[in-house]
Amino acid sequence: MSSHALPLVSTAARSAALLLKPVFSLALVPQNNKITALGRRTWNVLLHIAQDQGLERETFRAALTDIVKGLDYNSGDMTIIKSHLRSMVATLVEWQSPTAGEWQTWDVCGMLSHAKLVKERGQIWVEWSYAVNMRHELLDPEIFAKLSLEVISQLGSHPSVALYEICSRYLGVGQTARKAWSWWRPVLLGRPDDERLQRLEYRIFKRDTLRPALAEINALADIDIEMLEFKSGRFVSDLQFTVRKKPQRVLALQQRSASEPVDVGVLASAARLGIDHVRIERLIDEFGDAAVATGLEAVQKRATSAFPEPLRDPLRYLKSVLPGHAAAQVEVVKKIDAAKLAELTTGPSSERLAQWEKKWLAERIEMLITEISGLASERQAELVRDLRESLVQRNAHPALIQRLSGKGWSHPMVRHEMVSFYATGAYGSGWDKPSDKDLLVVAAQSRQ
């Protein structure tokens, strides 16, 4: 079947476990702002929730905890979600299908029409809407791609997410449409196709964007893709991707909700170190969120130790360590992709899975202890007061409260209480639940 003659898919096929993303929203070309990986994931979660709430509504509403996680809602972290919502309202995009002729209308409008934060009875709610010219097709599309938000949550950069979404559209066909390589450039990078971007050479685009995205998708997603290059004379002119479904999903370790909140904890962690989240999102697009996350852990440890001298510029230090962390993540992805982790493909034993989870949780707790220790003394004192109130309300054992008041939160008897209290507020109730990618990394490390 030609890639230009794709069959229509009935909306009756909608599955609660998948996002049905209209074809015209797969190849977004922003006109005035950059779209980040976290911004695109957040928009996908909002669309999934809106589709569930239905066409009858003109505005949509959900608890912020159902949309994003990793924020401390009583701190300055709220500026992060406000910035994301503001960007989605302000970013103009051209809506286009990756298949010529599949979308007959030219449209340009914001990703969201409006967004609003409301606090009610101690809980923060998000309200949002879509432009009137796009609302019906977004909420009840006739032609769409079935996307796993679970897989998207594992992919670390905008090029990986965008390429995965487009390729998933062509799974039944076997190959994407053939397009000029310059067409893929703004679509995968999520940047306006301005004069600066047009100067980007293909060899650089292939090295820094295409190859990392291909490797990550093939290692972590539920599809395998291969890039085909077509030349005009000596130079590459067009690109096309073959797509096939993996026999069995490498990531199917645990059942997860399709609309699991987007984890913006890496941005919140950076903000607590005094690094602006906009700069961090640029680094995520360059190095991937896994490398940035481990890099921030290194910055936190360096700031806590203050050796051989206090850390004066966390952002500069992060940039200096990121290439090494990015290289380490590439090696992890290569190991996962090369070995295919046969144990996971056939399903790990419950005992082995429990070992991986235990190892991950131990490392997670140590990281959180370091993170709490690095907070300002005033913030630590505030956490101690809040934890004490929580323990009193729970009718905790008086000895526990006494140790907290007399010895501080780092006392062995109460340290686990502080870690759980802090992590739940900062990262949500699932802070102690590893993602599929987390377990894959632990599994790959255990094979070394």
Protein backbone atom coordinates (compact mmCIF):
# COMPACT_ATOMS: atom_id res chain seq x y z
CA MET A 1 0.00 0.00 0.00
CA SER A 2 1.30 3.47 -0.84
CA SER A 3 2.10 5.73 2.08
CA HIS A 4 -0.12 8.33 0.42
CA ALA A 5 -3.20 6.10 0.56
CA LEU A 6 -3.56 5.32 4.24
CA PRO A 7 -6.82 3.75 5.43
CA LEU A 8 -9.16 5.74 7.65
CA VAL A 9 -9.40 4.45 11.21
CA SER A 10 -12.76 4.64 12.95
CA THR A 11 -12.92 6.49 16.26
CA ALA A 12 -14.82 3.47 17.56
CA ALA A 13 -11.43 1.80 17.82
CA ARG A 14 -10.40 4.16 20.61
CA SER A 15 -8.71 2.40 23.50
CA ALA A 16 -8.56 3.84 26.99
CA ALA A 17 -4.94 2.71 27.18
CA LEU A 18 -3.81 4.82 24.19
CA LEU A 19 -3.79 8.42 23.07
CA LEU A 20 -5.53 8.88 19.73
CA LYS A 21 -3.49 11.74 18.34
CA PRO A 22 -4.84 13.39 15.16
CA VAL A 23 -2.47 13.05 12.21
CA PHE A 24 -2.28 16.82 11.78
CA SER A 25 -0.82 17.18 15.29
CA LEU A 26 2.09 14.77 14.67
CA ALA A 27 4.33 17.03 12.58
CA LEU A 28 3.95 20.32 14.46
CA VAL A 29 6.03 23.22 13.17
CA PRO A 30 6.21 26.02 15.76
CA GLN A 31 6.25 29.54 14.34
CA ASN A 32 7.53 31.61 17.25
CA ASN A 33 8.76 29.40 20.14
CA LYS A 34 10.57 26.14 20.68
CA ILE A 35 8.58 23.06 21.75
CA THR A 36 10.43 21.00 24.36
CA ALA A 37 10.11 17.29 25.08
CA LEU A 38 8.47 17.96 28.45
CA GLY A 39 6.13 20.51 26.87
CA ARG A 40 5.07 18.03 24.19
CA ARG A 41 4.53 15.25 26.74
CA THR A 42 2.44 17.58 28.91
CA TRP A 43 0.32 18.59 25.92
CA ASN A 44 -0.25 14.90 25.12
CA VAL A 45 -1.46 14.21 28.66
CA LEU A 46 -3.82 17.22 28.51
CA LEU A 47 -5.22 15.96 25.19
CA HIS A 48 -5.71 12.44 26.59
CA ILE A 49 -7.65 13.84 29.56
CA ALA A 50 -9.70 16.16 27.32
CA GLN A 51 -10.64 13.28 25.00
CA ASP A 52 -11.87 11.33 28.03
CA GLN A 53 -13.96 14.30 29.21
CA GLY A 54 -15.59 14.59 25.79
CA LEU A 55 -16.77 16.98 23.10
CA GLU A 56 -19.66 18.25 25.21
CA ARG A 57 -17.28 20.46 27.18
CA GLU A 58 -15.73 23.66 25.93
CA THR A 59 -13.20 23.85 28.76
CA PHE A 60 -11.44 20.98 30.52
CA ARG A 61 -10.32 20.53 34.08
CA ALA A 62 -8.02 18.18 35.99
CA ALA A 63 -6.01 18.12 39.19
CA LEU A 64 -2.45 19.32 38.60
CA THR A 65 -1.18 16.11 40.23
CA ASP A 66 -2.85 14.18 37.38
CA ILE A 67 -0.91 16.20 34.79
CA VAL A 68 2.60 16.65 36.20
CA LYS A 69 4.61 15.22 39.06
CA GLY A 70 7.91 16.13 40.62
CA LEU A 71 6.87 19.55 41.92
CA ASP A 72 6.91 20.89 45.47
CA TYR A 73 3.54 22.64 45.38
CA ASN A 74 4.43 24.83 48.38
CA SER A 75 7.55 26.30 46.81
CA GLY A 76 8.68 28.29 43.82
CA ASP A 77 8.41 25.14 41.68
CA MET A 78 4.98 26.35 40.53
CA THR A 79 6.70 28.77 38.18
CA ILE A 80 7.68 25.73 36.11
CA ILE A 81 4.14 24.61 35.32
CA LYS A 82 3.03 28.22 34.82
CA SER A 83 5.81 28.65 32.27
CA HIS A 84 4.80 25.47 30.42
CA LEU A 85 1.13 26.47 30.28
CA ARG A 86 2.05 30.02 29.22
CA SER A 87 4.24 28.62 26.44
CA MET A 88 1.49 26.31 25.15
CA VAL A 89 -0.91 29.25 24.91
CA ALA A 90 1.67 31.55 23.29
CA THR A 91 3.26 29.06 20.85
CA LEU A 92 1.73 29.29 17.39
CA VAL A 93 1.99 26.08 15.38
CA GLU A 94 1.20 25.02 11.85
CA TRP A 95 -0.81 21.83 11.95
CA GLN A 96 0.16 19.41 9.19
CA SER A 97 0.02 15.68 8.52
CA PRO A 98 3.25 13.86 7.63
CA THR A 99 1.38 12.39 4.65
CA ALA A 100 0.67 14.73 1.74
CA GLY A 101 -3.04 15.27 1.13
CA GLU A 102 -4.17 13.59 4.36
CA TRP A 103 -5.12 16.90 6.00
CA GLN A 104 -6.90 19.21 3.57
CA THR A 105 -7.01 22.38 5.68
CA TRP A 106 -4.22 24.78 6.59
CA ASP A 107 -4.50 25.90 10.20
CA VAL A 108 -2.35 27.93 12.51
CA CYS A 109 -3.19 28.61 16.15
CA GLY A 110 -1.86 28.15 19.65
CA MET A 111 -1.37 24.71 21.17
CA LEU A 112 -3.89 25.79 23.83
CA SER A 113 -6.43 28.59 23.67
CA HIS A 114 -6.25 29.39 27.38
CA ALA A 115 -4.96 27.92 30.63
CA LYS A 116 -5.82 28.66 34.24
CA LEU A 117 -4.66 27.48 37.67
CA VAL A 118 -7.18 27.38 40.52
CA LYS A 119 -6.60 26.35 44.14
CA GLU A 120 -9.59 24.75 45.84
CA ARG A 121 -9.57 23.11 49.27
CA GLY A 122 -5.80 22.81 49.24
CA GLN A 123 -5.64 21.20 45.77
CA ILE A 124 -4.47 22.89 42.58
CA TRP A 125 -6.58 22.40 39.45
CA VAL A 126 -5.76 23.17 35.83
CA GLU A 127 -8.37 24.46 33.40
CA TRP A 128 -7.69 24.73 29.67
CA SER A 129 -9.33 24.93 26.25
CA TYR A 130 -8.50 24.58 22.55
CA ALA A 131 -8.99 26.94 19.62
CA VAL A 132 -12.48 26.67 18.16
CA ASN A 133 -11.12 25.75 14.71
CA MET A 134 -9.23 22.73 16.08
CA ARG A 135 -11.34 21.56 19.02
CA HIS A 136 -13.54 18.99 17.27
CA GLU A 137 -10.72 17.33 15.34
CA LEU A 138 -8.47 17.22 18.40
CA LEU A 139 -11.09 15.62 20.65
CA ASP A 140 -12.78 13.30 18.15
CA PRO A 141 -10.33 12.72 15.27
CA GLU A 142 -11.24 10.71 12.19
CA ILE A 143 -7.65 9.87 11.24
CA PHE A 144 -5.18 9.40 14.05
CA ALA A 145 -2.12 7.62 15.37
CA LYS A 146 -2.45 5.30 18.35
CA LEU A 147 0.29 6.32 20.75
CA SER A 148 1.48 4.80 24.01
CA LEU A 149 2.04 7.57 26.55
CA GLU A 150 3.91 5.00 28.60
CA VAL A 151 6.51 4.68 25.84
CA ILE A 152 6.64 8.44 25.27
CA SER A 153 7.38 8.98 28.97
CA GLN A 154 10.55 6.88 28.54
CA LEU A 155 11.95 8.88 25.61
CA GLY A 156 14.36 11.60 26.62
CA SER A 157 14.33 14.27 23.91
CA HIS A 158 11.92 16.07 21.59
CA PRO A 159 13.40 14.46 18.44
CA SER A 160 12.84 10.99 19.93
CA VAL A 161 9.26 11.78 20.95
CA ALA A 162 8.36 13.43 17.63
CA LEU A 163 9.92 10.68 15.51
CA TYR A 164 8.23 7.96 17.60
CA GLU A 165 4.83 9.63 17.18
CA ILE A 166 5.22 10.00 13.41
CA CYS A 167 6.53 6.46 12.89
CA SER A 168 3.74 4.97 15.02
CA ARG A 169 1.27 6.48 12.54
CA TYR A 170 2.72 4.25 9.78
CA LEU A 171 3.00 1.01 11.72
CA GLY A 172 0.35 -0.72 9.63
CA VAL A 173 1.90 0.54 6.38
CA GLY A 174 5.50 -0.31 7.15
CA GLN A 175 7.11 2.96 6.13
CA THR A 176 6.64 6.68 6.55
CA ALA A 177 6.14 9.12 3.73
CA ARG A 178 9.31 10.12 1.93
CA LYS A 179 10.14 13.74 2.72
CA ALA A 180 12.99 16.16 2.04
CA TRP A 181 15.42 15.99 4.94
CA SER A 182 14.85 19.70 5.51
CA TRP A 183 11.16 18.90 6.22
CA TRP A 184 12.19 16.68 9.13
CA ARG A 185 14.51 19.34 10.58
CA PRO A 186 11.99 21.72 12.31
CA VAL A 187 9.53 18.89 12.95
CA LEU A 188 11.99 16.79 14.97
CA LEU A 189 13.78 19.68 16.64
CA GLY A 190 10.53 21.45 17.57
CA ARG A 191 11.98 24.78 16.44
CA PRO A 192 10.79 27.44 14.02
CA ASP A 193 12.33 26.88 10.58
CA ASP A 194 14.08 30.23 10.65
CA GLU A 195 17.27 31.36 8.92
CA ARG A 196 19.46 30.03 11.73
CA LEU A 197 17.95 26.53 11.56
CA GLN A 198 18.14 26.50 7.77
CA ARG A 199 21.93 26.83 8.03
CA LEU A 200 22.12 23.48 9.84
CA GLU A 201 23.98 20.96 7.67
CA TYR A 202 22.62 17.47 7.12
CA ARG A 203 25.70 15.73 8.52
CA ILE A 204 25.30 17.63 11.80
CA PHE A 205 21.55 16.96 11.88
CA LYS A 206 22.19 13.27 11.32
CA ARG A 207 24.92 13.05 13.97
CA ASP A 208 23.25 15.09 16.73
CA THR A 209 19.55 14.48 16.10
CA LEU A 210 18.71 11.50 13.89
CA ARG A 211 21.16 8.89 15.18
CA PRO A 212 20.46 9.46 18.92
CA ALA A 213 16.68 9.45 18.31
CA LEU A 214 16.89 6.21 16.28
CA ALA A 215 19.00 4.50 18.96
CA GLU A 216 16.71 5.54 21.80
CA ILE A 217 13.50 4.51 20.03
CA ASN A 218 14.88 1.12 19.00
CA ALA A 219 16.16 0.46 22.53
CA LEU A 220 13.16 1.63 24.53
CA ALA A 221 10.02 1.79 22.39
CA ASP A 222 7.54 -0.83 21.21
CA ILE A 223 8.57 -0.38 17.55
CA ASP A 224 11.78 -0.77 15.54
CA ILE A 225 12.61 1.85 12.92
CA GLU A 226 15.27 2.17 10.24
CA MET A 227 16.24 5.30 8.32
CA LEU A 228 16.48 5.28 4.53
CA GLU A 229 18.51 8.00 2.80
CA PHE A 230 17.89 9.08 -0.80
CA LYS A 231 20.48 11.07 -2.70
CA SER A 232 20.27 13.66 -5.42
CA GLY A 233 23.69 13.49 -6.97
CA ARG A 234 26.27 13.30 -4.17
CA PHE A 235 24.05 14.73 -1.44
CA VAL A 236 21.21 13.32 0.67
CA SER A 237 17.94 14.95 -0.37
CA ASP A 238 15.14 12.86 1.17
CA LEU A 239 14.54 10.67 4.22
CA GLN A 240 12.09 7.87 4.89
CA PHE A 241 11.73 5.48 7.84
CA THR A 242 10.67 1.85 7.87
CA VAL A 243 8.54 0.83 10.85
CA ARG A 244 7.77 -2.55 12.35
CA LYS A 245 6.33 -3.66 15.65
CA LYS A 246 8.56 -5.56 18.05
CA PRO A 247 7.49 -9.18 18.60
CA GLN A 248 7.10 -8.47 22.30
CA ARG A 249 7.49 -5.20 24.13
CA VAL A 250 10.79 -4.86 25.93
CA LEU A 251 9.24 -2.37 28.33
CA ALA A 252 6.23 -4.42 29.43
CA LEU A 253 7.43 -4.93 32.98
CA GLN A 254 4.53 -3.35 34.84
CA GLN A 255 1.02 -2.20 33.98
CA ARG A 256 0.86 1.60 34.10
CA SER A 257 -1.79 4.19 33.51
CA ALA A 258 -1.64 5.66 30.02
CA SER A 259 -2.23 9.16 31.38
CA GLU A 260 0.45 8.94 34.07
CA PRO A 261 1.56 12.50 34.95
CA VAL A 262 4.60 13.93 33.22
CA ASP A 263 7.63 13.93 35.51
CA VAL A 264 9.11 17.42 35.68
CA GLY A 265 11.18 16.59 38.76
CA VAL A 266 14.44 17.22 36.91
CA LEU A 267 13.35 20.84 36.31
CA ALA A 268 12.34 21.25 39.95
CA SER A 269 15.65 19.81 41.14
CA ALA A 270 17.51 22.26 38.91
CA ALA A 271 15.44 25.19 40.19
CA ARG A 272 16.35 24.28 43.78
CA LEU A 273 20.00 24.50 42.74
CA GLY A 274 19.38 27.96 41.33
CA ILE A 275 19.38 26.87 37.66
CA ASP A 276 16.61 28.30 35.50
CA HIS A 277 14.32 25.61 34.09
CA VAL A 278 14.45 27.14 30.60
CA ARG A 279 18.20 26.51 30.47
CA ILE A 280 17.69 22.97 31.73
CA GLU A 281 15.16 22.20 29.00
CA ARG A 282 17.70 23.33 26.40
CA LEU A 283 20.25 20.96 27.92
CA ILE A 284 17.66 18.14 27.93
CA ASP A 285 17.10 18.65 24.21
CA GLU A 286 20.86 18.50 23.64
CA PHE A 287 21.86 15.66 25.98
CA GLY A 288 18.58 13.88 26.93
CA ASP A 289 16.75 13.96 30.25
CA ALA A 290 18.49 10.87 31.69
CA ALA A 291 21.94 12.46 31.29
CA VAL A 292 20.71 15.77 32.72
CA ALA A 293 19.11 13.98 35.69
CA THR A 294 22.32 12.14 36.61
CA GLY A 295 24.31 15.30 35.94
CA LEU A 296 22.14 17.22 38.41
CA GLU A 297 22.77 14.52 41.01
CA ALA A 298 26.49 15.17 40.55
CA VAL A 299 25.92 18.92 40.94
CA GLN A 300 23.92 18.32 44.12
CA LYS A 301 26.69 16.17 45.61
CA ARG A 302 29.30 18.77 44.67
CA ALA A 303 27.23 21.57 46.22
CA THR A 304 26.71 19.57 49.42
CA SER A 305 30.39 18.70 49.87
CA ALA A 306 31.62 22.28 49.21
CA PHE A 307 35.05 20.72 48.57
CA PRO A 308 37.61 21.98 47.71
CA GLU A 309 35.60 25.22 47.73
CA PRO A 310 31.91 26.19 47.65
CA LEU A 311 30.17 25.66 44.32
CA ARG A 312 29.62 29.15 42.90
CA ASP A 313 28.09 28.39 39.47
CA PRO A 314 25.93 25.22 39.41
CA LEU A 315 24.97 25.69 35.74
CA ARG A 316 28.58 25.97 34.60
CA TYR A 317 29.51 22.88 36.62
CA LEU A 318 26.56 20.97 35.15
CA LYS A 319 27.63 21.83 31.61
CA SER A 320 31.15 20.61 32.37
CA VAL A 321 29.98 17.16 33.55
CA LEU A 322 27.16 16.62 31.06
CA PRO A 323 29.20 15.24 28.13
CA GLY A 324 30.48 12.42 30.35
CA HIS A 325 27.02 11.62 31.67
CA ALA A 326 25.58 11.71 28.15
CA ALA A 327 28.24 9.28 26.97
CA ALA A 328 27.40 6.96 29.89
CA GLN A 329 23.70 7.04 28.94
CA VAL A 330 24.57 6.23 25.32
CA GLU A 331 26.46 3.16 26.56
CA VAL A 332 23.45 2.08 28.62
CA VAL A 333 21.16 2.46 25.60
CA LYS A 334 23.61 0.50 23.44
CA LYS A 335 23.72 -2.33 25.98
CA ILE A 336 19.94 -2.46 26.15
CA ASP A 337 19.59 -2.35 22.36
CA ALA A 338 22.38 -4.86 21.64
CA ALA A 339 21.43 -7.46 24.22
CA LYS A 340 17.66 -6.89 23.87
CA LEU A 341 17.63 -8.09 27.45
CA ALA A 342 16.26 -11.53 26.72
CA GLU A 343 15.18 -11.89 30.32
CA LEU A 344 12.85 -8.93 29.89
CA THR A 345 11.55 -10.00 26.51
CA THR A 346 10.36 -13.30 27.95
CA GLY A 347 9.40 -11.68 31.22
CA PRO A 348 11.74 -11.47 34.22
CA SER A 349 11.12 -13.69 37.21
CA SER A 350 9.33 -12.03 40.11
CA GLU A 351 12.42 -12.58 42.26
CA ARG A 352 14.74 -10.85 39.79
CA LEU A 353 12.26 -8.00 39.28
CA ALA A 354 12.07 -7.53 43.06
CA GLN A 355 15.88 -7.36 43.22
CA TRP A 356 15.99 -4.66 40.56
CA GLU A 357 13.29 -2.67 42.32
CA LYS A 358 15.08 -2.99 45.67
CA LYS A 359 18.38 -1.81 44.19
CA TRP A 360 16.71 1.13 42.44
CA LEU A 361 14.86 2.18 45.62
CA ALA A 362 18.03 2.08 47.73
CA GLU A 363 19.78 4.40 45.25
CA ARG A 364 16.69 6.62 45.06
CA ILE A 365 16.58 7.03 48.85
CA GLU A 366 20.27 7.91 49.02
CA MET A 367 19.76 10.54 46.32
CA LEU A 368 16.82 12.04 48.24
CA ILE A 369 18.80 12.16 51.49
CA THR A 370 21.53 14.07 49.64
CA GLU A 371 18.91 16.37 48.11
CA ILE A 372 17.32 17.18 51.49
CA SER A 373 20.74 17.72 53.07
CA GLY A 374 21.54 20.26 50.37
CA LEU A 375 18.47 22.40 51.10
CA ALA A 376 18.87 25.70 52.93
CA SER A 377 18.69 25.37 56.72
CA GLU A 378 15.47 27.43 56.80
CA ARG A 379 13.81 25.03 54.33
CA GLN A 380 14.99 22.00 56.34
CA ALA A 381 13.57 23.55 59.53
CA GLU A 382 10.26 24.12 57.73
CA LEU A 383 10.19 20.49 56.60
CA VAL A 384 10.85 19.31 60.17
CA ARG A 385 7.92 21.41 61.46
CA ASP A 386 5.60 20.11 58.75
CA LEU A 387 6.68 16.50 59.33
CA ARG A 388 6.12 16.86 63.07
CA GLU A 389 2.57 18.11 62.46
CA SER A 390 1.97 15.18 60.12
CA LEU A 391 3.22 12.67 62.70
CA VAL A 392 1.00 14.19 65.38
CA GLN A 393 -2.03 13.98 63.09
CA ARG A 394 -1.20 10.32 62.37
CA ASN A 395 -0.92 9.56 66.11
CA ALA A 396 2.63 8.32 65.50
CA HIS A 397 4.57 6.85 68.42
CA PRO A 398 5.68 9.63 70.83
CA ALA A 399 9.28 8.35 70.68
CA LEU A 400 9.35 9.07 66.94
CA ILE A 401 8.18 12.66 67.45
CA GLN A 402 10.62 13.09 70.32
CA ARG A 403 13.58 11.94 68.19
CA LEU A 404 12.58 14.29 65.40
CA SER A 405 12.32 17.27 67.76
CA GLY A 406 15.49 16.45 69.71
CA LYS A 407 17.85 14.89 67.19
CA GLY A 408 16.61 16.22 63.84
CA TRP A 409 15.37 14.49 60.71
CA SER A 410 18.67 12.67 60.01
CA HIS A 411 18.30 10.47 63.11
CA PRO A 412 18.07 6.82 61.93
CA MET A 413 14.69 6.41 63.62
CA VAL A 414 13.01 9.23 61.65
CA ARG A 415 15.11 9.56 58.50
CA HIS A 416 12.84 7.26 56.48
CA GLU A 417 9.82 9.32 57.58
CA MET A 418 11.43 12.53 56.32
CA VAL A 419 12.44 10.95 53.03
CA SER A 420 8.89 9.71 52.40
CA PHE A 421 7.32 13.01 53.52
CA TYR A 422 9.62 15.15 51.39
CA ALA A 423 9.54 12.89 48.32
CA THR A 424 5.74 12.65 48.31
CA GLY A 425 5.47 16.42 48.31
CA ALA A 426 8.20 17.00 45.76
CA TYR A 427 7.71 14.05 43.40
CA GLY A 428 4.22 12.72 44.09
CA SER A 429 2.95 9.51 45.68
CA GLY A 430 4.76 7.37 43.11
CA TRP A 431 8.22 8.60 44.09
CA ASP A 432 9.21 5.09 45.21
CA LYS A 433 7.94 3.35 42.05
CA PRO A 434 10.57 2.87 39.34
CA SER A 435 9.65 3.42 35.71
CA ASP A 436 10.24 0.75 33.08
CA LYS A 437 13.30 2.69 31.90
CA ASP A 438 14.65 2.82 35.47
CA LEU A 439 14.41 -0.97 35.71
CA LEU A 440 15.97 -1.43 32.29
CA VAL A 441 18.97 0.63 33.40
CA VAL A 442 19.33 -1.40 36.61
CA ALA A 443 19.01 -4.62 34.61
CA ALA A 444 21.63 -3.49 32.09
CA GLN A 445 24.03 -2.51 34.88
CA SER A 446 23.57 -5.88 36.58
CA ARG A 447 24.72 -7.62 33.40
CA GLN A 448 28.04 -5.74 33.26
